[in-house]
Amino acid sequence: MSNTKEKLNALILNLAKVQEHAQHLHWVYERARQEVAELMCEVPAANTVASNALLAHLEDGSRAGLELMVIRHHRERSRVLHTPSDAVAHTRTTSAPPNPWENNRVVWFLAHFTGLPNGTRFGMRFDPDTRRPTAGTITAPDGSYASVMLEPTPDGTWSVTESGPTPLWTAVEKAHQLWQAAGEPGWSRLGVTVEADDQWVWIDEPHGEHQWKLTL
């Protein structure tokens, strides 16, 4: 009986080490993934085949770490990211799908021209019991926050909660509407023009309907 208990304790200890490694693995890959994704958004020329391949690799690594994190010791206290307390926070529905930084990077890129402030960060909120992701989050340096549930409502929309001085998800919605109005372009239809005293991003034509100045 004593030998069995010792083996069980050793197994629990090893599992805890795996858990710690998984958390570190997820953090390293996720941080690198965010940095690469932000670079691709800020510098259109960085959106190459190699960059997208690297991003896919980092996403796989982040997901692998997350899957391992689901295996938790039953005595471990769960940690969960809570929505910031804000008296003016409000919840509504949106037709713009969640997590565009993963599911529609063109929309996420365009959102930086439709209202997302510099320094905006994206993340995830997890269920405290299952450790499965439940919502995508956006935060800005001015304290603004947006959280969009991953599970759609019965009518095919998503629940979004916003707080702070900047309506972050509104910027994403504008970008999504712009993307749809432009015919849902892929990266091949976007370009960048650099001149001696000016730089701008465009869709289809350098001097067409959709163009935005870059601040480098």
C-alpha atoms as a PDB file:
ATOM      1  CA  MET A   1       0.000   0.000   0.000  1.00  0.00           C
ATOM      2  CA  SER A   2       2.831   2.346   0.930  1.00  0.00           C
ATOM      3  CA  ASN A   3       4.625   1.558  -2.337  1.00  0.00           C
ATOM      4  CA  THR A   4       1.468   2.326  -4.330  1.00  0.00           C
ATOM      5  CA  LYS A   5       1.059   5.657  -2.551  1.00  0.00           C
ATOM      6  CA  GLU A   6       4.670   6.570  -3.295  1.00  0.00           C
ATOM      7  CA  LYS A   7       4.175   5.761  -6.974  1.00  0.00           C
ATOM      8  CA  LEU A   8       1.003   7.836  -7.031  1.00  0.00           C
ATOM      9  CA  ASN A   9       2.755  10.803  -5.423  1.00  0.00           C
ATOM     10  CA  ALA A  10       5.611  10.472  -7.908  1.00  0.00           C
ATOM     11  CA  LEU A  11       3.108  10.416 -10.768  1.00  0.00           C
ATOM     12  CA  ILE A  12       1.399  13.547  -9.438  1.00  0.00           C
ATOM     13  CA  LEU A  13       4.773  15.274  -9.126  1.00  0.00           C
ATOM     14  CA  ASN A  14       5.695  14.358 -12.702  1.00  0.00           C
ATOM     15  CA  LEU A  15       2.308  15.550 -13.918  1.00  0.00           C
ATOM     16  CA  ALA A  16       2.845  18.868 -12.158  1.00  0.00           C
ATOM     17  CA  LYS A  17       6.176  19.218 -13.971  1.00  0.00           C
ATOM     18  CA  VAL A  18       4.460  18.506 -17.290  1.00  0.00           C
ATOM     19  CA  GLN A  19       1.852  21.129 -16.423  1.00  0.00           C
ATOM     20  CA  GLU A  20       4.534  23.694 -15.640  1.00  0.00           C
ATOM     21  CA  HIS A  21       6.350  22.920 -18.888  1.00  0.00           C
ATOM     22  CA  ALA A  22       3.083  23.149 -20.844  1.00  0.00           C
ATOM     23  CA  GLN A  23       2.330  26.576 -19.403  1.00  0.00           C
ATOM     24  CA  HIS A  24       5.809  27.773 -20.345  1.00  0.00           C
ATOM     25  CA  LEU A  25       5.504  26.225 -23.812  1.00  0.00           C
ATOM     26  CA  HIS A  26       2.148  27.886 -24.422  1.00  0.00           C
ATOM     27  CA  TRP A  27       3.404  31.251 -23.145  1.00  0.00           C
ATOM     28  CA  VAL A  28       6.552  31.232 -25.314  1.00  0.00           C
ATOM     29  CA  TYR A  29       4.748  30.210 -28.498  1.00  0.00           C
ATOM     30  CA  GLU A  30       1.784  32.510 -27.873  1.00  0.00           C
ATOM     31  CA  ARG A  31       4.002  35.524 -27.187  1.00  0.00           C
ATOM     32  CA  ALA A  32       6.029  34.849 -30.342  1.00  0.00           C
ATOM     33  CA  ARG A  33       2.832  34.315 -32.333  1.00  0.00           C
ATOM     34  CA  GLN A  34       1.418  37.652 -31.199  1.00  0.00           C
ATOM     35  CA  GLU A  35       4.635  39.482 -32.055  1.00  0.00           C
ATOM     36  CA  VAL A  36       4.781  37.959 -35.547  1.00  0.00           C
ATOM     37  CA  ALA A  37       1.075  38.660 -36.143  1.00  0.00           C
ATOM     38  CA  GLU A  38       1.472  42.275 -35.011  1.00  0.00           C
ATOM     39  CA  LEU A  39       4.477  42.737 -37.289  1.00  0.00           C
ATOM     40  CA  MET A  40       2.493  41.353 -40.224  1.00  0.00           C
ATOM     41  CA  CYS A  41      -0.316  43.792 -39.436  1.00  0.00           C
ATOM     42  CA  GLU A  42       1.954  46.807 -39.040  1.00  0.00           C
ATOM     43  CA  VAL A  43       4.217  46.068 -42.025  1.00  0.00           C
ATOM     44  CA  PRO A  44       2.286  44.728 -45.037  1.00  0.00           C
ATOM     45  CA  ALA A  45       5.527  43.771 -46.786  1.00  0.00           C
ATOM     46  CA  ALA A  46       6.083  41.216 -44.013  1.00  0.00           C
ATOM     47  CA  ASN A  47       3.063  39.215 -45.184  1.00  0.00           C
ATOM     48  CA  THR A  48       5.066  36.660 -47.122  1.00  0.00           C
ATOM     49  CA  VAL A  49       4.632  32.923 -47.576  1.00  0.00           C
ATOM     50  CA  ALA A  50       7.476  32.360 -45.111  1.00  0.00           C
ATOM     51  CA  SER A  51       5.865  34.652 -42.517  1.00  0.00           C
ATOM     52  CA  ASN A  52       2.535  32.859 -42.758  1.00  0.00           C
ATOM     53  CA  ALA A  53       4.278  29.487 -42.487  1.00  0.00           C
ATOM     54  CA  LEU A  54       6.072  30.690 -39.351  1.00  0.00           C
ATOM     55  CA  LEU A  55       2.808  31.987 -37.912  1.00  0.00           C
ATOM     56  CA  ALA A  56       1.120  28.628 -38.554  1.00  0.00           C
ATOM     57  CA  HIS A  57       4.008  26.849 -36.799  1.00  0.00           C
ATOM     58  CA  LEU A  58       3.739  29.146 -33.780  1.00  0.00           C
ATOM     59  CA  GLU A  59      -0.024  28.626 -33.652  1.00  0.00           C
ATOM     60  CA  ASP A  60       0.512  24.847 -33.585  1.00  0.00           C
ATOM     61  CA  GLY A  61       3.016  25.188 -30.745  1.00  0.00           C
ATOM     62  CA  SER A  62       0.728  27.467 -28.766  1.00  0.00           C
ATOM     63  CA  ARG A  63      -2.189  25.083 -29.257  1.00  0.00           C
ATOM     64  CA  ALA A  64      -0.086  22.089 -28.189  1.00  0.00           C
ATOM     65  CA  GLY A  65       0.855  23.829 -24.958  1.00  0.00           C
ATOM     66  CA  LEU A  66      -2.767  24.762 -24.367  1.00  0.00           C
ATOM     67  CA  GLU A  67      -3.918  21.173 -24.860  1.00  0.00           C
ATOM     68  CA  LEU A  68      -1.402  19.963 -22.281  1.00  0.00           C
ATOM     69  CA  MET A  69      -2.572  22.641 -19.863  1.00  0.00           C
ATOM     70  CA  VAL A  70      -6.034  21.056 -19.873  1.00  0.00           C
ATOM     71  CA  ILE A  71      -4.565  18.160 -17.850  1.00  0.00           C
ATOM     72  CA  ARG A  72      -4.657  19.720 -14.398  1.00  0.00           C
ATOM     73  CA  HIS A  73      -4.048  18.306 -10.959  1.00  0.00           C
ATOM     74  CA  HIS A  74      -7.393  18.339  -9.138  1.00  0.00           C
ATOM     75  CA  ARG A  75      -5.921  20.254  -6.191  1.00  0.00           C
ATOM     76  CA  GLU A  76      -4.467  23.036  -8.307  1.00  0.00           C
ATOM     77  CA  ARG A  77      -6.307  26.313  -8.010  1.00  0.00           C
ATOM     78  CA  SER A  78      -7.572  27.523 -11.357  1.00  0.00           C
ATOM     79  CA  ARG A  79      -6.684  30.971 -12.591  1.00  0.00           C
ATOM     80  CA  VAL A  80      -9.003  32.862 -14.885  1.00  0.00           C
ATOM     81  CA  LEU A  81      -8.795  36.226 -16.580  1.00  0.00           C
ATOM     82  CA  HIS A  82     -11.806  38.306 -15.584  1.00  0.00           C
ATOM     83  CA  THR A  83     -13.330  41.121 -17.544  1.00  0.00           C
ATOM     84  CA  PRO A  84     -12.153  44.420 -16.012  1.00  0.00           C
ATOM     85  CA  SER A  85     -14.717  46.000 -13.734  1.00  0.00           C
ATOM     86  CA  ASP A  86     -16.049  49.109 -15.425  1.00  0.00           C
ATOM     87  CA  ALA A  87     -19.255  50.974 -14.650  1.00  0.00           C
ATOM     88  CA  VAL A  88     -19.765  51.871 -18.322  1.00  0.00           C
ATOM     89  CA  ALA A  89     -19.159  48.372 -19.718  1.00  0.00           C
ATOM     90  CA  HIS A  90     -21.971  47.245 -21.977  1.00  0.00           C
ATOM     91  CA  THR A  91     -22.834  44.001 -23.743  1.00  0.00           C
ATOM     92  CA  ARG A  92     -24.429  43.669 -27.165  1.00  0.00           C
ATOM     93  CA  THR A  93     -24.318  41.370 -30.178  1.00  0.00           C
ATOM     94  CA  THR A  94     -22.098  41.612 -33.234  1.00  0.00           C
ATOM     95  CA  SER A  95     -22.072  40.087 -36.699  1.00  0.00           C
ATOM     96  CA  ALA A  96     -18.273  40.315 -36.941  1.00  0.00           C
ATOM     97  CA  PRO A  97     -16.785  36.878 -36.107  1.00  0.00           C
ATOM     98  CA  PRO A  98     -14.451  36.659 -33.097  1.00  0.00           C
ATOM     99  CA  ASN A  99     -10.663  36.324 -33.158  1.00  0.00           C
ATOM    100  CA  PRO A 100      -9.912  37.940 -36.539  1.00  0.00           C
ATOM    101  CA  TRP A 101      -6.191  37.829 -35.644  1.00  0.00           C
ATOM    102  CA  GLU A 102      -6.514  34.065 -36.179  1.00  0.00           C
ATOM    103  CA  ASN A 103      -9.506  33.604 -38.467  1.00  0.00           C
ATOM    104  CA  ASN A 104      -9.338  36.632 -40.781  1.00  0.00           C
ATOM    105  CA  ARG A 105      -6.023  38.456 -40.636  1.00  0.00           C
ATOM    106  CA  VAL A 106      -6.965  40.834 -43.439  1.00  0.00           C
ATOM    107  CA  VAL A 107      -9.830  42.157 -41.296  1.00  0.00           C
ATOM    108  CA  TRP A 108      -7.515  42.395 -38.280  1.00  0.00           C
ATOM    109  CA  PHE A 109      -5.005  44.285 -40.395  1.00  0.00           C
ATOM    110  CA  LEU A 110      -7.660  46.701 -41.693  1.00  0.00           C
ATOM    111  CA  ALA A 111      -8.953  47.292 -38.166  1.00  0.00           C
ATOM    112  CA  HIS A 112      -5.731  49.166 -37.437  1.00  0.00           C
ATOM    113  CA  PHE A 113      -6.909  51.758 -39.970  1.00  0.00           C
ATOM    114  CA  THR A 114     -10.511  51.899 -38.745  1.00  0.00           C
ATOM    115  CA  GLY A 115      -9.986  52.795 -35.111  1.00  0.00           C
ATOM    116  CA  LEU A 116      -7.741  50.360 -33.232  1.00  0.00           C
ATOM    117  CA  PRO A 117      -5.155  52.405 -31.311  1.00  0.00           C
ATOM    118  CA  ASN A 118      -1.436  51.691 -31.333  1.00  0.00           C
ATOM    119  CA  GLY A 119      -0.413  49.139 -28.740  1.00  0.00           C
ATOM    120  CA  THR A 120      -3.630  47.118 -28.967  1.00  0.00           C
ATOM    121  CA  ARG A 121      -3.157  43.553 -27.725  1.00  0.00           C
ATOM    122  CA  PHE A 122      -5.260  40.467 -28.257  1.00  0.00           C
ATOM    123  CA  GLY A 123      -5.697  37.448 -26.027  1.00  0.00           C
ATOM    124  CA  MET A 124      -8.057  34.741 -24.834  1.00  0.00           C
ATOM    125  CA  ARG A 125     -10.310  34.115 -21.851  1.00  0.00           C
ATOM    126  CA  PHE A 126     -10.543  30.557 -20.531  1.00  0.00           C
ATOM    127  CA  ASP A 127     -13.107  28.532 -18.661  1.00  0.00           C
ATOM    128  CA  PRO A 128     -11.757  28.136 -15.088  1.00  0.00           C
ATOM    129  CA  ASP A 129     -12.730  24.456 -14.951  1.00  0.00           C
ATOM    130  CA  THR A 130     -12.054  23.059 -18.419  1.00  0.00           C
ATOM    131  CA  ARG A 131      -9.331  25.569 -19.349  1.00  0.00           C
ATOM    132  CA  ARG A 132     -10.882  25.746 -22.786  1.00  0.00           C
ATOM    133  CA  PRO A 133     -11.003  29.159 -24.503  1.00  0.00           C
ATOM    134  CA  THR A 134     -14.394  30.846 -24.234  1.00  0.00           C
ATOM    135  CA  ALA A 135     -13.773  34.356 -25.574  1.00  0.00           C
ATOM    136  CA  GLY A 136     -11.308  36.457 -27.510  1.00  0.00           C
ATOM    137  CA  THR A 137     -10.147  39.675 -25.868  1.00  0.00           C
ATOM    138  CA  ILE A 138      -8.678  42.981 -27.002  1.00  0.00           C
ATOM    139  CA  THR A 139      -7.031  45.518 -24.709  1.00  0.00           C
ATOM    140  CA  ALA A 140      -5.619  48.973 -25.415  1.00  0.00           C
ATOM    141  CA  PRO A 141      -3.098  51.145 -23.532  1.00  0.00           C
ATOM    142  CA  ASP A 142      -5.867  53.553 -22.474  1.00  0.00           C
ATOM    143  CA  GLY A 143      -7.590  50.764 -20.515  1.00  0.00           C
ATOM    144  CA  SER A 144     -10.230  50.010 -23.128  1.00  0.00           C
ATOM    145  CA  TYR A 145     -11.314  46.397 -23.323  1.00  0.00           C
ATOM    146  CA  ALA A 146     -13.438  44.170 -25.545  1.00  0.00           C
ATOM    147  CA  SER A 147     -14.408  40.541 -25.066  1.00  0.00           C
ATOM    148  CA  VAL A 148     -16.200  38.482 -27.735  1.00  0.00           C
ATOM    149  CA  MET A 149     -17.656  35.073 -26.936  1.00  0.00           C
ATOM    150  CA  LEU A 150     -16.467  32.283 -29.238  1.00  0.00           C
ATOM    151  CA  GLU A 151     -19.786  30.435 -29.150  1.00  0.00           C
ATOM    152  CA  PRO A 152     -22.357  32.117 -31.422  1.00  0.00           C
ATOM    153  CA  THR A 153     -25.859  32.977 -30.273  1.00  0.00           C
ATOM    154  CA  PRO A 154     -28.867  31.108 -31.732  1.00  0.00           C
ATOM    155  CA  ASP A 155     -29.331  33.838 -34.355  1.00  0.00           C
ATOM    156  CA  GLY A 156     -25.749  33.488 -35.613  1.00  0.00           C
ATOM    157  CA  THR A 157     -24.274  36.570 -33.955  1.00  0.00           C
ATOM    158  CA  TRP A 158     -21.767  36.798 -31.101  1.00  0.00           C
ATOM    159  CA  SER A 159     -21.975  38.446 -27.693  1.00  0.00           C
ATOM    160  CA  VAL A 160     -19.469  41.271 -27.199  1.00  0.00           C
ATOM    161  CA  THR A 161     -18.705  43.333 -24.097  1.00  0.00           C
ATOM    162  CA  GLU A 162     -16.864  46.645 -24.409  1.00  0.00           C
ATOM    163  CA  SER A 163     -15.591  49.071 -21.806  1.00  0.00           C
ATOM    164  CA  GLY A 164     -13.303  52.076 -21.668  1.00  0.00           C
ATOM    165  CA  PRO A 165     -12.960  55.243 -23.750  1.00  0.00           C
ATOM    166  CA  THR A 166     -12.199  53.501 -27.070  1.00  0.00           C
ATOM    167  CA  PRO A 167     -14.813  51.172 -28.647  1.00  0.00           C
ATOM    168  CA  LEU A 168     -12.325  48.516 -29.734  1.00  0.00           C
ATOM    169  CA  TRP A 169     -14.717  46.003 -31.244  1.00  0.00           C
ATOM    170  CA  THR A 170     -16.469  48.780 -33.161  1.00  0.00           C
ATOM    171  CA  ALA A 171     -13.185  49.271 -35.026  1.00  0.00           C
ATOM    172  CA  VAL A 172     -13.154  45.561 -35.894  1.00  0.00           C
ATOM    173  CA  GLU A 173     -16.772  45.741 -37.076  1.00  0.00           C
ATOM    174  CA  LYS A 174     -15.943  48.675 -39.355  1.00  0.00           C
ATOM    175  CA  ALA A 175     -13.009  46.721 -40.778  1.00  0.00           C
ATOM    176  CA  HIS A 176     -15.210  43.672 -41.337  1.00  0.00           C
ATOM    177  CA  GLN A 177     -17.829  45.774 -43.125  1.00  0.00           C
ATOM    178  CA  LEU A 178     -15.117  47.405 -45.240  1.00  0.00           C
ATOM    179  CA  TRP A 179     -13.673  44.002 -46.119  1.00  0.00           C
ATOM    180  CA  GLN A 180     -17.108  42.741 -47.196  1.00  0.00           C
ATOM    181  CA  ALA A 181     -17.860  45.896 -49.209  1.00  0.00           C
ATOM    182  CA  ALA A 182     -14.528  45.516 -51.026  1.00  0.00           C
ATOM    183  CA  GLY A 183     -15.411  41.975 -52.096  1.00  0.00           C
ATOM    184  CA  GLU A 184     -13.680  40.146 -49.219  1.00  0.00           C
ATOM    185  CA  PRO A 185     -10.140  40.630 -50.562  1.00  0.00           C
ATOM    186  CA  GLY A 186      -7.239  38.360 -49.689  1.00  0.00           C
ATOM    187  CA  TRP A 187      -3.644  39.469 -49.220  1.00  0.00           C
ATOM    188  CA  SER A 188      -3.023  39.326 -52.978  1.00  0.00           C
ATOM    189  CA  ARG A 189      -5.294  42.340 -53.488  1.00  0.00           C
ATOM    190  CA  LEU A 190      -3.565  44.492 -50.881  1.00  0.00           C
ATOM    191  CA  GLY A 191      -0.450  46.484 -51.571  1.00  0.00           C
ATOM    192  CA  VAL A 192       1.798  49.171 -50.171  1.00  0.00           C
ATOM    193  CA  THR A 193       3.355  52.155 -51.930  1.00  0.00           C
ATOM    194  CA  VAL A 194       6.451  53.847 -50.525  1.00  0.00           C
ATOM    195  CA  GLU A 195       7.626  57.215 -51.809  1.00  0.00           C
ATOM    196  CA  ALA A 196      10.214  59.647 -50.506  1.00  0.00           C
ATOM    197  CA  ASP A 197       7.736  61.589 -48.378  1.00  0.00           C
ATOM    198  CA  ASP A 198       4.685  59.343 -48.218  1.00  0.00           C
ATOM    199  CA  GLN A 199       3.670  55.730 -47.615  1.00  0.00           C
ATOM    200  CA  TRP A 200       0.240  54.181 -47.866  1.00  0.00           C
ATOM    201  CA  VAL A 201      -1.601  50.862 -47.978  1.00  0.00           C
ATOM    202  CA  TRP A 202      -4.283  50.173 -50.563  1.00  0.00           C
ATOM    203  CA  ILE A 203      -6.727  47.610 -51.908  1.00  0.00           C
ATOM    204  CA  ASP A 204      -6.596  46.874 -55.660  1.00  0.00           C
ATOM    205  CA  GLU A 205      -5.199  50.252 -56.772  1.00  0.00           C
ATOM    206  CA  PRO A 206      -2.613  52.604 -55.203  1.00  0.00           C
ATOM    207  CA  HIS A 207      -4.891  55.577 -55.861  1.00  0.00           C
ATOM    208  CA  GLY A 208      -8.204  53.756 -55.651  1.00  0.00           C
ATOM    209  CA  GLU A 209     -11.125  54.021 -53.265  1.00  0.00           C
ATOM    210  CA  HIS A 210      -9.503  52.180 -50.365  1.00  0.00           C
ATOM    211  CA  GLN A 211      -6.173  53.602 -49.207  1.00  0.00           C
ATOM    212  CA  TRP A 212      -4.652  54.519 -45.842  1.00  0.00           C
ATOM    213  CA  LYS A 213      -1.548  56.447 -44.913  1.00  0.00           C
ATOM    214  CA  LEU A 214       1.173  54.691 -42.949  1.00  0.00           C
ATOM    215  CA  THR A 215       3.104  56.233 -40.090  1.00  0.00           C
ATOM    216  CA  LEU A 216       6.539  54.611 -40.044  1.00  0.00           C
END
